[in-house]
């Protein structure tokens, strides 16, 4: 099985990697196109993260409809309700399997999301 990488990053990772029929999206954080963390709380940061997940999926020819699994890290578990309300809007039908944990994150952000999509070649 060949591996194909999509996109570039300023750190040593690929935003999206196809391995067979699966596409793996690296953890997306709430930074805008300017590389700056978006202002606001968990709602604004979740919206930006989901936009970034969508953009990474598009690099590999996928959409949110192709996502079968996500992993979510929240900086504060008390943000779960607000996060979940935004997340649900992006997966209104047949949401993917999901793991959500509370964790200290690498930079001063409230959320990170990675995804796995399934789209046969």
C-alpha atoms as a PDB file:
ATOM      1  CA  UNK A   1       0.000   0.000   0.000  1.00  0.00           C
ATOM      2  CA  UNK A   2       1.448   3.359  -1.031  1.00  0.00           C
ATOM      3  CA  UNK A   3       1.245   6.439   1.112  1.00  0.00           C
ATOM      4  CA  UNK A   4       0.498   9.874  -0.316  1.00  0.00           C
ATOM      5  CA  UNK A   5       1.009  13.098   1.646  1.00  0.00           C
ATOM      6  CA  UNK A   6      -0.998  16.278   1.044  1.00  0.00           C
ATOM      7  CA  UNK A   7      -0.237  19.865   1.985  1.00  0.00           C
ATOM      8  CA  UNK A   8       2.679  21.470   3.744  1.00  0.00           C
ATOM      9  CA  UNK A   9       3.194  22.617   7.296  1.00  0.00           C
ATOM     10  CA  UNK A  10       5.739  24.791   9.082  1.00  0.00           C
ATOM     11  CA  UNK A  11       6.363  21.836  11.435  1.00  0.00           C
ATOM     12  CA  UNK A  12       7.440  18.301  10.440  1.00  0.00           C
ATOM     13  CA  UNK A  13       4.040  16.799   9.629  1.00  0.00           C
ATOM     14  CA  UNK A  14       1.653  16.432   6.724  1.00  0.00           C
ATOM     15  CA  UNK A  15      -1.818  17.930   7.179  1.00  0.00           C
ATOM     16  CA  UNK A  16      -3.318  14.907   5.401  1.00  0.00           C
ATOM     17  CA  UNK A  17      -1.966  11.478   4.482  1.00  0.00           C
ATOM     18  CA  UNK A  18      -3.745   8.857   2.366  1.00  0.00           C
ATOM     19  CA  UNK A  19      -2.943   5.230   3.110  1.00  0.00           C
ATOM     20  CA  UNK A  20      -5.079   3.018   0.902  1.00  0.00           C
ATOM     21  CA  UNK A  21      -8.721   3.961   1.336  1.00  0.00           C
ATOM     22  CA  UNK A  22      -8.101   5.891   4.566  1.00  0.00           C
ATOM     23  CA  UNK A  23      -7.104   9.536   4.958  1.00  0.00           C
ATOM     24  CA  UNK A  24      -5.526  10.646   8.229  1.00  0.00           C
ATOM     25  CA  UNK A  25      -5.797  14.303   9.191  1.00  0.00           C
ATOM     26  CA  UNK A  26      -3.190  15.640  11.603  1.00  0.00           C
ATOM     27  CA  UNK A  27      -4.448  17.393  14.721  1.00  0.00           C
ATOM     28  CA  UNK A  28      -5.914  20.746  13.746  1.00  0.00           C
ATOM     29  CA  UNK A  29      -5.700  23.710  16.084  1.00  0.00           C
ATOM     30  CA  UNK A  30      -7.621  27.020  16.098  1.00  0.00           C
ATOM     31  CA  UNK A  31      -5.324  29.120  13.944  1.00  0.00           C
ATOM     32  CA  UNK A  32      -6.524  31.218  11.041  1.00  0.00           C
ATOM     33  CA  UNK A  33      -4.888  31.546   7.640  1.00  0.00           C
ATOM     34  CA  UNK A  34      -2.560  34.144   9.183  1.00  0.00           C
ATOM     35  CA  UNK A  35      -1.168  31.506  11.576  1.00  0.00           C
ATOM     36  CA  UNK A  36      -2.531  33.295  14.637  1.00  0.00           C
ATOM     37  CA  UNK A  37      -4.778  31.642  17.238  1.00  0.00           C
ATOM     38  CA  UNK A  38      -8.326  32.956  16.800  1.00  0.00           C
ATOM     39  CA  UNK A  39      -9.643  35.206  19.517  1.00  0.00           C
ATOM     40  CA  UNK A  40     -12.569  34.082  21.630  1.00  0.00           C
ATOM     41  CA  UNK A  41     -13.568  31.071  23.637  1.00  0.00           C
ATOM     42  CA  UNK A  42     -14.291  27.440  22.906  1.00  0.00           C
ATOM     43  CA  UNK A  43     -17.104  28.245  20.452  1.00  0.00           C
ATOM     44  CA  UNK A  44     -14.921  30.401  18.185  1.00  0.00           C
ATOM     45  CA  UNK A  45     -11.964  28.054  18.507  1.00  0.00           C
ATOM     46  CA  UNK A  46     -14.069  24.990  17.680  1.00  0.00           C
ATOM     47  CA  UNK A  47     -15.471  26.704  14.571  1.00  0.00           C
ATOM     48  CA  UNK A  48     -11.922  27.473  13.392  1.00  0.00           C
ATOM     49  CA  UNK A  49     -10.704  23.954  14.123  1.00  0.00           C
ATOM     50  CA  UNK A  50     -13.580  22.436  12.163  1.00  0.00           C
ATOM     51  CA  UNK A  51     -12.837  24.777   9.238  1.00  0.00           C
ATOM     52  CA  UNK A  52      -9.213  23.620   9.391  1.00  0.00           C
ATOM     53  CA  UNK A  53     -10.249  19.935   9.505  1.00  0.00           C
ATOM     54  CA  UNK A  54     -12.462  20.519   6.466  1.00  0.00           C
ATOM     55  CA  UNK A  55      -9.617  22.244   4.597  1.00  0.00           C
ATOM     56  CA  UNK A  56      -7.180  19.409   5.386  1.00  0.00           C
ATOM     57  CA  UNK A  57      -9.737  16.839   4.200  1.00  0.00           C
ATOM     58  CA  UNK A  58     -10.181  18.771   0.939  1.00  0.00           C
ATOM     59  CA  UNK A  59      -6.438  18.463   0.258  1.00  0.00           C
ATOM     60  CA  UNK A  60      -7.020  14.706  -0.083  1.00  0.00           C
ATOM     61  CA  UNK A  61     -10.329  14.970  -1.945  1.00  0.00           C
ATOM     62  CA  UNK A  62     -12.499  14.254   1.092  1.00  0.00           C
ATOM     63  CA  UNK A  63     -15.286  16.015   2.976  1.00  0.00           C
ATOM     64  CA  UNK A  64     -16.621  15.868   6.511  1.00  0.00           C
ATOM     65  CA  UNK A  65     -19.100  13.247   5.235  1.00  0.00           C
ATOM     66  CA  UNK A  66     -16.144  10.872   4.738  1.00  0.00           C
ATOM     67  CA  UNK A  67     -14.960  11.133   8.363  1.00  0.00           C
ATOM     68  CA  UNK A  68     -15.327   7.885  10.319  1.00  0.00           C
ATOM     69  CA  UNK A  69     -13.395   8.769  13.509  1.00  0.00           C
ATOM     70  CA  UNK A  70     -12.269  11.878  15.345  1.00  0.00           C
ATOM     71  CA  UNK A  71     -10.175  12.417  18.427  1.00  0.00           C
ATOM     72  CA  UNK A  72     -10.727  15.636  20.362  1.00  0.00           C
ATOM     73  CA  UNK A  73      -8.572  17.188  23.059  1.00  0.00           C
ATOM     74  CA  UNK A  74     -10.153  19.875  25.206  1.00  0.00           C
ATOM     75  CA  UNK A  75      -8.033  22.026  27.472  1.00  0.00           C
ATOM     76  CA  UNK A  76     -10.945  22.189  29.951  1.00  0.00           C
ATOM     77  CA  UNK A  77     -13.626  19.490  30.245  1.00  0.00           C
ATOM     78  CA  UNK A  78     -16.091  22.173  31.375  1.00  0.00           C
ATOM     79  CA  UNK A  79     -16.067  23.397  27.739  1.00  0.00           C
ATOM     80  CA  UNK A  80     -17.564  20.095  26.545  1.00  0.00           C
ATOM     81  CA  UNK A  81     -21.158  21.334  26.175  1.00  0.00           C
ATOM     82  CA  UNK A  82     -20.250  24.404  24.116  1.00  0.00           C
ATOM     83  CA  UNK A  83     -17.766  22.395  22.030  1.00  0.00           C
ATOM     84  CA  UNK A  84     -20.324  19.641  21.432  1.00  0.00           C
ATOM     85  CA  UNK A  85     -22.955  22.126  20.192  1.00  0.00           C
ATOM     86  CA  UNK A  86     -20.567  23.463  17.516  1.00  0.00           C
ATOM     87  CA  UNK A  87     -19.233  20.018  16.606  1.00  0.00           C
ATOM     88  CA  UNK A  88     -22.775  18.659  16.133  1.00  0.00           C
ATOM     89  CA  UNK A  89     -23.514  21.336  13.516  1.00  0.00           C
ATOM     90  CA  UNK A  90     -20.664  19.999  11.391  1.00  0.00           C
ATOM     91  CA  UNK A  91     -21.848  16.371  11.630  1.00  0.00           C
ATOM     92  CA  UNK A  92     -25.665  16.698  11.545  1.00  0.00           C
ATOM     93  CA  UNK A  93     -26.254  13.170  10.196  1.00  0.00           C
ATOM     94  CA  UNK A  94     -24.415   9.938  10.973  1.00  0.00           C
ATOM     95  CA  UNK A  95     -21.619  11.505  13.056  1.00  0.00           C
ATOM     96  CA  UNK A  96     -18.282   9.688  13.198  1.00  0.00           C
ATOM     97  CA  UNK A  97     -17.039   7.694  16.155  1.00  0.00           C
ATOM     98  CA  UNK A  98     -15.329  10.073  18.568  1.00  0.00           C
ATOM     99  CA  UNK A  99     -13.006  10.095  21.544  1.00  0.00           C
ATOM    100  CA  UNK A 100     -12.898  13.286  23.635  1.00  0.00           C
ATOM    101  CA  UNK A 101     -10.413  13.849  26.437  1.00  0.00           C
ATOM    102  CA  UNK A 102      -9.224  16.680  28.628  1.00  0.00           C
ATOM    103  CA  UNK A 103      -5.540  17.418  28.166  1.00  0.00           C
ATOM    104  CA  UNK A 104      -2.936  20.105  28.517  1.00  0.00           C
ATOM    105  CA  UNK A 105      -2.269  21.280  24.968  1.00  0.00           C
ATOM    106  CA  UNK A 106       1.018  22.300  23.343  1.00  0.00           C
ATOM    107  CA  UNK A 107       0.208  25.998  22.919  1.00  0.00           C
ATOM    108  CA  UNK A 108      -2.307  28.346  24.536  1.00  0.00           C
ATOM    109  CA  UNK A 109      -5.395  26.904  22.834  1.00  0.00           C
ATOM    110  CA  UNK A 110      -8.617  25.321  24.029  1.00  0.00           C
ATOM    111  CA  UNK A 111      -9.063  22.501  21.491  1.00  0.00           C
ATOM    112  CA  UNK A 112      -7.367  20.220  18.968  1.00  0.00           C
ATOM    113  CA  UNK A 113      -9.101  17.744  16.634  1.00  0.00           C
ATOM    114  CA  UNK A 114      -7.705  14.992  14.428  1.00  0.00           C
ATOM    115  CA  UNK A 115      -9.772  12.936  12.004  1.00  0.00           C
ATOM    116  CA  UNK A 116      -9.724   9.743   9.989  1.00  0.00           C
ATOM    117  CA  UNK A 117     -11.719   9.593   6.761  1.00  0.00           C
ATOM    118  CA  UNK A 118     -12.615   6.622   4.601  1.00  0.00           C
ATOM    119  CA  UNK A 119     -12.852   7.222   0.871  1.00  0.00           C
ATOM    120  CA  UNK A 120     -11.983   4.397  -1.507  1.00  0.00           C
ATOM    121  CA  UNK A 121      -9.676   5.361  -4.345  1.00  0.00           C
END
